[in-house]
């Protein structure tokens, strides 16, 4: 895993050898069949690649194909400027924005580990799917 700034965006890019297991931990293989995980964009969105090689950004919550947005990654290996303040941490909204959480309220913001992030993403996406019901 590599993480850091690419211009004004913070990216976490997973190595190909670890991406499959991480995607399983987040539930991406269930929510977005046929997509592979590349990384995180700005802590709130995943970067995923479809079977044709196109790259998309998608919110971590809701992890829903209806929210896929094309994303342009620079060609080749991306050089990220490391920032020790954020290494190993992911910004998390205690009450996710899709559920009415305020991203501007500092009481709604905490920093979590990657493991905690995966657990939170799975749990909140289950809540989202339960509320959304069958398509």
Protein backbone atom coordinates (compact mmCIF):
# COMPACT_ATOMS: atom_id res chain seq x y z
CA UNK A 1 0.00 0.00 0.00
CA UNK A 2 1.18 3.48 -0.87
CA UNK A 3 -0.47 6.65 0.36
CA UNK A 4 -0.01 10.38 0.04
CA UNK A 5 -0.94 13.48 -1.88
CA UNK A 6 -1.40 13.63 -5.64
CA UNK A 7 -1.68 17.37 -6.14
CA UNK A 8 -4.63 18.32 -3.87
CA UNK A 9 -6.08 14.82 -3.40
CA UNK A 10 -5.05 12.26 -0.80
CA UNK A 11 -4.86 8.78 -2.30
CA UNK A 12 -4.26 5.35 -0.87
CA UNK A 13 -3.22 2.94 -3.62
CA UNK A 14 -3.20 -0.79 -2.90
CA UNK A 15 -0.63 -3.13 -4.38
CA UNK A 16 -2.15 -5.66 -6.75
CA UNK A 17 -1.08 -8.51 -4.45
CA UNK A 18 -3.12 -7.11 -1.52
CA UNK A 19 -6.10 -5.54 -3.33
CA UNK A 20 -8.19 -8.74 -3.58
CA UNK A 21 -8.13 -9.48 0.14
CA UNK A 22 -8.79 -5.83 1.00
CA UNK A 23 -11.71 -5.71 -1.45
CA UNK A 24 -13.20 -8.79 0.23
CA UNK A 25 -12.84 -7.11 3.61
CA UNK A 26 -14.77 -4.10 2.40
CA UNK A 27 -17.44 -6.18 0.64
CA UNK A 28 -16.60 -4.73 -2.76
CA UNK A 29 -16.70 -8.08 -4.51
CA UNK A 30 -20.33 -8.49 -3.39
CA UNK A 31 -21.49 -4.90 -3.95
CA UNK A 32 -19.65 -4.38 -7.24
CA UNK A 33 -19.17 -7.74 -8.98
CA UNK A 34 -16.68 -7.55 -11.81
CA UNK A 35 -14.78 -4.60 -10.32
CA UNK A 36 -11.37 -4.70 -8.69
CA UNK A 37 -10.21 -2.38 -5.94
CA UNK A 38 -7.40 0.04 -6.70
CA UNK A 39 -7.48 2.25 -3.62
CA UNK A 40 -9.13 5.10 -1.76
CA UNK A 41 -9.61 8.66 -2.93
CA UNK A 42 -9.76 11.39 -0.31
CA UNK A 43 -10.77 8.84 2.37
CA UNK A 44 -14.45 8.95 1.30
CA UNK A 45 -14.38 7.17 -2.05
CA UNK A 46 -13.00 3.94 -3.44
CA UNK A 47 -11.14 3.74 -6.71
CA UNK A 48 -12.20 0.67 -8.68
CA UNK A 49 -11.50 -0.75 -12.14
CA UNK A 50 -14.05 -2.53 -14.30
CA UNK A 51 -13.34 -5.54 -16.50
CA UNK A 52 -12.53 -3.31 -19.50
CA UNK A 53 -9.91 -1.38 -17.51
CA UNK A 54 -11.90 1.82 -16.93
CA UNK A 55 -11.35 3.43 -13.55
CA UNK A 56 -14.14 4.83 -11.41
CA UNK A 57 -14.58 6.59 -8.10
CA UNK A 58 -17.47 5.38 -5.93
CA UNK A 59 -18.48 6.43 -2.41
CA UNK A 60 -17.53 4.00 0.32
CA UNK A 61 -21.12 4.54 1.54
CA UNK A 62 -23.26 3.80 -0.32
CA UNK A 63 -21.16 1.28 -2.19
CA UNK A 64 -23.58 1.17 -5.10
CA UNK A 65 -22.95 0.90 -8.85
CA UNK A 66 -25.40 3.77 -9.41
CA UNK A 67 -22.81 6.12 -7.91
CA UNK A 68 -19.84 5.16 -10.09
CA UNK A 69 -18.08 8.23 -11.54
CA UNK A 70 -15.29 8.01 -14.14
CA UNK A 71 -11.89 8.85 -12.70
CA UNK A 72 -8.66 9.59 -14.58
CA UNK A 73 -5.56 8.14 -12.95
CA UNK A 74 -2.21 9.40 -14.21
CA UNK A 75 -0.48 6.80 -16.39
CA UNK A 76 2.13 4.53 -14.88
CA UNK A 77 3.05 4.27 -11.24
CA UNK A 78 1.58 7.24 -9.40
CA UNK A 79 4.08 9.24 -7.33
CA UNK A 80 2.44 10.22 -4.05
CA UNK A 81 3.83 12.82 -1.65
CA UNK A 82 3.83 11.18 1.78
CA UNK A 83 2.27 12.98 4.72
CA UNK A 84 3.05 11.43 8.11
CA UNK A 85 0.06 13.17 9.69
CA UNK A 86 -2.29 10.81 7.85
CA UNK A 87 -0.23 7.63 7.38
CA UNK A 88 -2.20 4.54 8.39
CA UNK A 89 -5.35 6.53 9.22
CA UNK A 90 -8.62 7.08 7.40
CA UNK A 91 -11.01 9.97 8.00
CA UNK A 92 -14.43 8.69 9.03
CA UNK A 93 -17.76 10.40 9.57
CA UNK A 94 -19.34 8.88 12.70
CA UNK A 95 -22.73 9.36 11.05
CA UNK A 96 -22.15 9.02 7.29
CA UNK A 97 -23.32 11.88 5.09
CA UNK A 98 -25.83 9.65 3.21
CA UNK A 99 -27.51 9.04 6.59
CA UNK A 100 -27.67 12.75 7.44
CA UNK A 101 -24.26 13.23 9.02
CA UNK A 102 -22.74 16.70 8.71
CA UNK A 103 -19.25 16.65 7.15
CA UNK A 104 -18.57 20.15 8.53
CA UNK A 105 -19.25 19.17 12.16
CA UNK A 106 -15.96 18.28 13.87
CA UNK A 107 -17.86 16.09 16.36
CA UNK A 108 -18.84 13.89 13.41
CA UNK A 109 -15.22 13.27 12.37
CA UNK A 110 -12.83 10.64 13.73
CA UNK A 111 -9.71 8.94 12.41
CA UNK A 112 -9.76 5.14 12.21
CA UNK A 113 -7.38 2.36 11.25
CA UNK A 114 -7.71 0.56 7.94
CA UNK A 115 -9.15 -2.49 9.72
CA UNK A 116 -11.75 -0.38 11.54
CA UNK A 117 -12.59 1.38 8.28
CA UNK A 118 -13.35 -1.91 6.55
CA UNK A 119 -15.63 -2.99 9.41
CA UNK A 120 -17.46 0.35 9.42
CA UNK A 121 -17.88 0.40 5.63
CA UNK A 122 -19.35 -3.12 5.63
CA UNK A 123 -21.72 -2.38 8.54
CA UNK A 124 -23.03 0.92 7.15
CA UNK A 125 -23.47 -0.56 3.67
CA UNK A 126 -25.53 -3.37 5.18
CA UNK A 127 -27.73 -0.70 6.82
CA UNK A 128 -28.02 1.10 3.49
CA UNK A 129 -29.04 -2.09 1.62
CA UNK A 130 -31.55 -2.99 4.36
CA UNK A 131 -33.17 0.45 4.09
CA UNK A 132 -33.05 0.50 0.30
CA UNK A 133 -34.68 -2.92 0.01
CA UNK A 134 -34.78 -5.07 -3.11
CA UNK A 135 -34.33 -3.38 -6.48
